[in-house]
Each structure stands twice: as structure tokens, then as C-alpha cells.
Amino acid sequence: MTTDVEEFVELSLPLHTPNAHWSYSNTNYVLLAKIIEKVSGLSYEAYLQQYIAEPLNLTRTTTQPAKQWKAQAQTYDYENQQYQKALEDPYLHEAEKFNDNYGDGGIYATVAEVGKFLLAFWQGQYISKETVRLMLSPRKSAEHYGHGFMIQDQWIGHTGGWMGCSAQAFINRATEEVIVLATNQEIFPLYEYEIMNCLMGVQDAVEAPKLVVILPDSNKDDITGQYELADELGTRFTIEKSAPAPFMISFEHQLSVPLFRIEESYYWIRNTMSYVDIANQLFIDEGIEVPYQPVD
């Protein structure tokens, strides 16, 4: 069962006191967009244009692109290992039914304007440098994250993606070098990670495959069931069989997403940086391993 974000925000209580715990939350970014509208009296788009796009002369940055600028997207059909028109992707079609929120994404821009925004932010061109320093100050609960920015040594920025697209944007605080990477494929961490490493001068060549190679599931594979993570919330997820994908995984209040086997007992959750290690009963999200166990 899915829940509308606004309804979810209205009914839910905070899980933690401020600065006590860190966990990335798309829902909280949607809430921030609502706060912007409430405080300013403007729509999210109007605020974006008045306070960010227009002062920085970002003429192609918007949440409401003109029709002539819309890209003709493709997604990758992992079952048949071929590209397809986005409108023919059954999972994208289902996900788009619930993708009417904003604040956690949905801003259209060119890579040049994303880079221009990052540089202007770092240089304090539209908010004070004191605020910039505050936003980039990690907390004890999250040394790798500030306020809306990932912190990777001298590099600061963010990543994101949706079915059929992904992006990374970072600026080096020492050199002010800006790197913006946009691809027409879904998030596959290792491939993009190596591209960024090459652009940042960490490695010389990309060795990871561009696309995830999906292994066939045999009739002996049965990983269906309900499971509970050994986290402080006792988060539960369910794995079910559902054609055309071999398996689908879902968390409470979230859509079901295809789960593909990429190694003997290693499964990738489509369009995420998350994996399920069946053999060791580990749920892995952005490199963080959390044990899980079956629930009767």
C-alpha cells in the first residue's frame, strides 16, 4: 500500500530529536519545499525563479520545462537486456502515478547551469558565506553529510537519479573545479563512481561495466518472504515473485521495485544504490551493511 507524501507528513511524527540521528529522507525534502511555500507565500517554482534562477541568470533551470525542451527518454529493459522507450517501461509507468511531488527532485537544468549554480553557491553569491559554512558543517551523526550536501574530503555536492537518468554534481573546495555528470541510464553506483574517480583524478580508466549484467534465476531460487532489518526502527521489507521481473521488493509506504540477481547470492534493487546479500542476510545501502532476518 502506498501513501501520499502530504498525508504521510501530516500523520507521521519525527523519529528522532534534532541532531540525534542521520538518515537520508526524500520525504523530508518534500516537506522542506512545502515550508518554502508556506513561509514565502510563493509557489516552489516561483521561489526557485525569483531567488535562485533569475539572480544567477539560469535561463534553463525550472520545474516546469517548456515542451520543446523535453527530452525523449529511454530506459533499460533489464529482463531483455535492451533499451526501450520510457513510456513502454511498465515500472516507470507505475512509478509516475505517484511522482507528483517536488522538493526531492524534479528540477530540470543543463549541466552547465548546474555547474554555475554550484560555483555561485560555494562563492557565496546568493547566500552568505557564513550560511555556506553552516550548510557544509558535518554533524557527529553524519560526518559525510551537511545540510543538503555530501562531503567527500575536498569535494562537496550531491547525486540523484530516476528510472532512465542519473546525475552527479560536485565542486572542489580547494580548486573550485566543478564536475557535473549526467547520464541517460539509471543509478549503477560502480560505473558512475569510476567515471567520477577518473574526472577527479583518482583513477585512470573506467573498468566497471556500463550496465548491470542480470543473471537468470533458476527454479530453485526462492527468496520470497517478509524480512526485518536489525536497525533501530525494525524496518521491514517484502520480496515477492512478480512477472516480468523474477522478484519484486517493497518497503512500507513504498512502491514495489524489481530485484535482480547480479551475483550468485547478490541482488540489486533497480534504480538504487542498494543490494540484498542473501547468503549473508545483509541489506546494503550506499555501502552500509545492515543484517536482516525472516519474519514469520
Protein backbone atom coordinates (compact mmCIF):
# COMPACT_ATOMS: atom_id res chain seq x y z
CA MET A 1 0.00 0.00 0.00
CA THR A 2 1.34 3.44 -0.95
CA THR A 3 0.70 6.65 0.94
CA ASP A 4 0.55 10.20 -0.44
CA VAL A 5 3.55 12.20 0.79
CA GLU A 6 1.47 15.07 2.15
CA GLU A 7 -0.76 12.65 4.04
CA PHE A 8 2.29 10.81 5.33
CA VAL A 9 3.85 14.04 6.61
CA GLU A 10 0.60 15.04 8.31
CA LEU A 11 0.19 11.71 10.09
CA SER A 12 3.80 10.94 10.98
CA LEU A 13 5.77 12.07 14.00
CA PRO A 14 9.54 12.75 13.96
CA LEU A 15 11.54 9.61 14.64
CA HIS A 16 14.40 11.45 16.35
CA THR A 17 15.23 14.67 18.13
CA PRO A 18 17.28 17.21 16.10
CA ASN A 19 20.95 16.24 15.52
CA ALA A 20 20.49 12.87 17.26
CA HIS A 21 20.42 10.69 14.17
CA TRP A 22 21.00 10.90 10.42
CA SER A 23 19.18 9.08 7.66
CA TYR A 24 18.65 10.30 4.10
CA SER A 25 14.98 11.11 3.53
CA ASN A 26 13.33 12.14 0.27
CA THR A 27 10.14 12.82 2.21
CA ASN A 28 11.89 15.46 4.31
CA TYR A 29 12.97 17.30 1.15
CA VAL A 30 9.33 17.35 0.03
CA LEU A 31 8.47 18.78 3.44
CA LEU A 32 11.14 21.48 3.01
CA ALA A 33 9.54 22.52 -0.29
CA LYS A 34 6.20 22.88 1.49
CA ILE A 35 7.89 25.00 4.18
CA ILE A 36 9.37 27.27 1.49
CA GLU A 37 5.90 27.83 0.03
CA LYS A 38 4.33 28.43 3.45
CA VAL A 39 6.95 30.94 4.60
CA SER A 40 7.39 32.82 1.31
CA GLY A 41 3.81 32.78 0.08
CA LEU A 42 5.16 31.72 -3.33
CA SER A 43 4.91 28.51 -5.27
CA TYR A 44 8.03 26.37 -5.28
CA GLU A 45 8.66 27.21 -8.94
CA ALA A 46 8.14 30.95 -8.38
CA TYR A 47 10.55 30.90 -5.44
CA LEU A 48 13.14 28.97 -7.46
CA GLN A 49 12.96 31.53 -10.26
CA GLN A 50 12.89 34.66 -8.08
CA TYR A 51 15.62 33.76 -5.61
CA ILE A 52 17.93 31.39 -7.48
CA ALA A 53 17.45 31.15 -11.25
CA GLU A 54 16.96 34.84 -12.09
CA PRO A 55 19.74 36.25 -9.83
CA LEU A 56 22.19 33.73 -11.28
CA ASN A 57 20.84 34.06 -14.86
CA LEU A 58 19.94 30.37 -15.04
CA THR A 59 17.58 30.54 -18.00
CA ARG A 60 17.12 26.78 -18.38
CA THR A 61 16.60 25.83 -14.75
CA THR A 62 12.97 25.13 -13.85
CA THR A 63 10.48 22.60 -12.51
CA GLN A 64 8.20 23.35 -15.46
CA PRO A 65 10.14 22.96 -18.71
CA ALA A 66 8.65 24.17 -21.96
CA LYS A 67 7.50 21.35 -24.21
CA GLN A 68 10.22 21.95 -26.82
CA TRP A 69 12.93 21.26 -24.22
CA LYS A 70 11.58 17.90 -23.07
CA ALA A 71 13.92 15.00 -23.80
CA GLN A 72 12.73 11.83 -25.48
CA ALA A 73 13.78 9.42 -22.74
CA GLN A 74 14.68 5.76 -22.85
CA THR A 75 15.01 3.27 -20.04
CA TYR A 76 16.78 -0.07 -19.99
CA ASP A 77 14.83 -3.31 -20.08
CA TYR A 78 16.92 -5.46 -17.76
CA GLU A 79 14.88 -8.60 -18.39
CA ASN A 80 15.57 -8.48 -22.15
CA GLN A 81 18.87 -6.53 -21.93
CA GLN A 82 17.90 -3.78 -24.37
CA TYR A 83 16.82 -0.13 -24.37
CA GLN A 84 13.17 0.77 -24.65
CA LYS A 85 11.07 3.91 -24.89
CA ALA A 86 10.40 5.27 -21.43
CA LEU A 87 6.64 5.20 -21.99
CA GLU A 88 6.88 1.46 -22.65
CA ASP A 89 8.56 0.74 -19.31
CA PRO A 90 5.89 -0.84 -17.06
CA TYR A 91 7.75 0.06 -13.85
CA LEU A 92 8.25 3.70 -14.84
CA HIS A 93 4.62 3.94 -15.85
CA GLU A 94 3.55 2.69 -12.41
CA ALA A 95 6.02 4.88 -10.52
CA GLU A 96 4.96 8.02 -12.38
CA LYS A 97 1.44 7.66 -10.95
CA PHE A 98 2.90 8.64 -7.58
CA ASN A 99 5.55 11.08 -8.79
CA ASP A 100 3.58 14.31 -8.45
CA ASN A 101 5.59 15.76 -5.57
CA TYR A 102 8.51 18.18 -5.64
CA GLY A 103 11.36 19.27 -3.43
CA ASP A 104 13.21 15.94 -3.55
CA GLY A 105 13.96 16.31 -7.27
CA GLY A 106 12.16 17.33 -10.44
CA ILE A 107 14.32 20.36 -11.28
CA TYR A 108 15.29 20.48 -14.95
CA ALA A 109 18.59 22.12 -15.90
CA THR A 110 21.59 21.85 -18.19
CA VAL A 111 24.89 20.52 -16.87
CA ALA A 112 26.40 23.97 -17.48
CA GLU A 113 23.80 25.66 -15.29
CA VAL A 114 24.17 23.05 -12.54
CA GLY A 115 27.88 23.81 -12.54
CA LYS A 116 27.22 27.53 -12.48
CA PHE A 117 24.87 27.08 -9.51
CA LEU A 118 27.44 25.07 -7.56
CA LEU A 119 30.16 27.66 -8.10
CA ALA A 120 27.84 30.52 -7.14
CA PHE A 121 26.78 28.64 -4.00
CA TRP A 122 30.35 27.97 -2.93
CA GLN A 123 31.42 31.56 -3.55
CA GLY A 124 28.51 32.94 -1.54
CA GLN A 125 26.95 34.80 -4.47
CA TYR A 126 23.33 34.37 -3.41
CA ILE A 127 23.55 33.28 0.23
CA SER A 128 26.17 34.41 2.73
CA LYS A 129 29.44 32.55 3.12
CA GLU A 130 28.55 32.12 6.79
CA THR A 131 25.45 30.18 5.75
CA VAL A 132 27.52 28.20 3.26
CA ARG A 133 29.93 27.18 6.05
CA LEU A 134 26.97 26.15 8.21
CA MET A 135 25.49 24.03 5.42
CA LEU A 136 28.81 22.28 4.87
CA SER A 137 29.48 21.56 8.53
CA PRO A 138 29.06 17.84 9.24
CA ARG A 139 27.42 16.62 12.43
CA LYS A 140 28.51 13.84 14.76
CA SER A 141 25.58 11.82 13.47
CA ALA A 142 26.71 12.25 9.83
CA GLU A 143 30.31 13.19 9.13
CA HIS A 144 29.79 12.67 5.38
CA TYR A 145 26.75 14.95 5.07
CA GLY A 146 25.96 18.60 5.75
CA HIS A 147 22.69 20.36 5.00
CA GLY A 148 21.78 19.10 1.55
CA PHE A 149 25.38 18.39 0.52
CA MET A 150 27.51 15.26 0.54
CA ILE A 151 31.01 15.86 1.89
CA GLN A 152 33.81 13.80 0.33
CA ASP A 153 37.13 15.21 1.50
CA GLN A 154 37.59 18.42 -0.55
CA TRP A 155 34.63 17.63 -2.82
CA ILE A 156 31.08 18.68 -1.97
CA GLY A 157 27.93 18.06 -3.98
CA HIS A 158 25.16 15.54 -4.49
CA THR A 159 23.91 12.66 -6.58
CA GLY A 160 20.46 11.70 -7.78
CA GLY A 161 18.52 9.71 -10.27
CA TRP A 162 15.28 8.26 -11.51
CA MET A 163 14.35 5.49 -13.91
CA GLY A 164 16.24 6.34 -17.09
CA CYS A 165 18.50 9.11 -15.78
CA SER A 166 21.11 9.86 -13.15
CA ALA A 167 23.32 12.79 -12.22
CA GLN A 168 26.23 13.77 -10.01
CA ALA A 169 27.44 17.30 -9.34
CA PHE A 170 30.46 18.20 -7.20
CA ILE A 171 32.81 21.13 -6.64
CA ASN A 172 36.31 21.03 -5.17
CA ARG A 173 36.55 23.48 -2.28
CA ALA A 174 40.27 23.97 -2.74
CA THR A 175 40.49 24.46 -6.50
CA GLU A 176 36.85 25.42 -7.33
CA GLU A 177 36.92 22.79 -10.07
CA VAL A 178 33.36 21.72 -10.93
CA ILE A 179 32.32 18.31 -12.24
CA VAL A 180 28.77 17.59 -13.38
CA LEU A 181 27.96 14.15 -14.76
CA ALA A 182 24.56 13.39 -16.31
CA THR A 183 23.74 10.04 -17.90
CA ASN A 184 20.73 8.57 -19.66
CA GLN A 185 20.75 5.47 -17.52
CA GLU A 186 19.70 4.55 -14.04
CA ILE A 187 21.89 4.63 -10.99
CA PHE A 188 24.51 1.90 -11.09
CA PRO A 189 26.97 3.01 -8.42
CA LEU A 190 30.17 1.29 -9.52
CA TYR A 191 30.12 2.55 -13.13
CA GLU A 192 29.37 6.16 -12.21
CA TYR A 193 31.71 6.00 -9.23
CA GLU A 194 34.60 5.08 -11.52
CA ILE A 195 33.73 7.80 -14.05
CA MET A 196 33.75 10.38 -11.25
CA ASN A 197 37.04 8.99 -9.96
CA CYS A 198 38.56 9.48 -13.41
CA LEU A 199 37.25 13.04 -13.64
CA MET A 200 38.57 13.76 -10.14
CA GLY A 201 41.97 12.29 -10.98
CA VAL A 202 41.66 9.34 -8.62
CA GLN A 203 41.94 6.61 -11.27
CA ASP A 204 43.00 6.45 -14.91
CA ALA A 205 40.33 4.33 -16.58
CA VAL A 206 36.77 3.07 -16.12
CA GLU A 207 36.71 -0.70 -15.77
CA ALA A 208 33.20 -1.29 -14.47
CA PRO A 209 30.52 -2.30 -17.00
CA LYS A 210 28.11 0.41 -18.10
CA LEU A 211 25.05 -1.71 -17.46
CA VAL A 212 24.22 -4.20 -14.76
CA VAL A 213 24.50 -7.76 -16.06
CA ILE A 214 21.48 -9.66 -14.81
CA LEU A 215 21.89 -13.35 -14.04
CA PRO A 216 18.99 -15.74 -14.68
CA ASP A 217 17.14 -17.13 -11.70
CA SER A 218 16.65 -20.85 -11.54
CA ASN A 219 13.53 -22.58 -10.28
CA LYS A 220 15.44 -23.39 -7.10
CA ASP A 221 15.76 -19.71 -6.22
CA ASP A 222 13.04 -18.77 -3.76
CA ILE A 223 13.85 -15.71 -1.71
CA THR A 224 10.26 -14.63 -1.22
CA GLY A 225 9.09 -13.67 2.24
CA GLN A 226 8.94 -10.85 4.75
CA TYR A 227 12.11 -9.68 6.47
CA GLU A 228 13.10 -7.27 9.23
CA LEU A 229 16.24 -5.15 9.37
CA ALA A 230 18.30 -5.07 12.56
CA ASP A 231 18.02 -1.29 12.71
CA GLU A 232 16.54 0.80 15.49
CA LEU A 233 13.20 1.01 13.68
CA GLY A 234 12.80 -2.68 12.88
CA THR A 235 12.24 -1.74 9.24
CA ARG A 236 10.50 -4.47 7.28
CA PHE A 237 10.55 -5.35 3.60
CA THR A 238 8.83 -7.94 1.48
CA ILE A 239 10.12 -9.91 -1.51
CA GLU A 240 7.58 -11.41 -3.90
CA LYS A 241 7.56 -13.09 -7.29
CA SER A 242 6.04 -10.92 -9.99
CA ALA A 243 6.43 -11.18 -13.77
CA PRO A 244 8.16 -9.96 -15.83
CA ALA A 245 10.84 -9.41 -13.16
CA PRO A 246 11.86 -12.53 -11.23
CA PHE A 247 11.32 -10.77 -7.89
CA MET A 248 9.94 -7.50 -6.54
CA ILE A 249 10.95 -5.85 -3.26
CA SER A 250 8.88 -3.35 -1.31
CA PHE A 251 9.10 -1.39 1.92
CA GLU A 252 6.18 0.01 3.88
CA HIS A 253 4.57 3.03 2.17
CA GLN A 254 6.73 2.49 -0.93
CA LEU A 255 6.22 1.07 -4.40
CA SER A 256 7.48 -2.37 -5.31
CA VAL A 257 10.75 -2.31 -7.26
CA PRO A 258 12.41 -5.08 -9.34
CA LEU A 259 15.10 -7.09 -7.58
CA PHE A 260 17.72 -8.56 -9.93
CA ARG A 261 20.38 -11.16 -9.24
CA ILE A 262 23.80 -9.88 -10.30
CA GLU A 263 25.96 -12.45 -8.48
CA GLU A 264 25.35 -15.91 -7.07
CA SER A 265 23.54 -14.65 -3.96
CA TYR A 266 23.73 -10.88 -4.52
CA TYR A 267 20.68 -8.94 -5.66
CA TRP A 268 20.47 -5.33 -6.89
CA ILE A 269 17.41 -3.15 -6.26
CA ARG A 270 16.65 -1.37 -9.51
CA ASN A 271 17.47 2.35 -9.72
CA THR A 272 19.09 2.43 -6.28
CA MET A 273 22.44 2.09 -4.58
CA SER A 274 21.04 -0.79 -2.54
CA TYR A 275 21.67 -4.53 -2.58
CA VAL A 276 20.47 -7.64 -0.80
CA ASP A 277 23.10 -10.23 0.12
CA ILE A 278 21.02 -13.37 0.51
CA ALA A 279 23.85 -15.66 1.63
CA ASN A 280 24.93 -13.39 4.50
CA GLN A 281 21.47 -11.91 5.16
CA LEU A 282 22.64 -8.32 4.73
CA PHE A 283 20.83 -5.33 3.33
CA ILE A 284 23.43 -2.95 1.86
CA ASP A 285 22.56 0.69 1.24
CA GLU A 286 25.30 3.00 -0.09
CA GLY A 287 27.94 0.70 1.41
CA ILE A 288 26.30 0.45 4.84
CA GLU A 289 25.53 -3.16 5.81
CA VAL A 290 22.51 -3.92 7.99
CA PRO A 291 21.69 -7.52 8.97
CA TYR A 292 18.18 -8.79 8.48
CA GLN A 293 16.18 -11.85 9.41
CA PRO A 294 12.97 -13.55 8.22
CA VAL A 295 9.70 -12.64 9.91
CA ASP A 296 7.10 -15.31 10.48
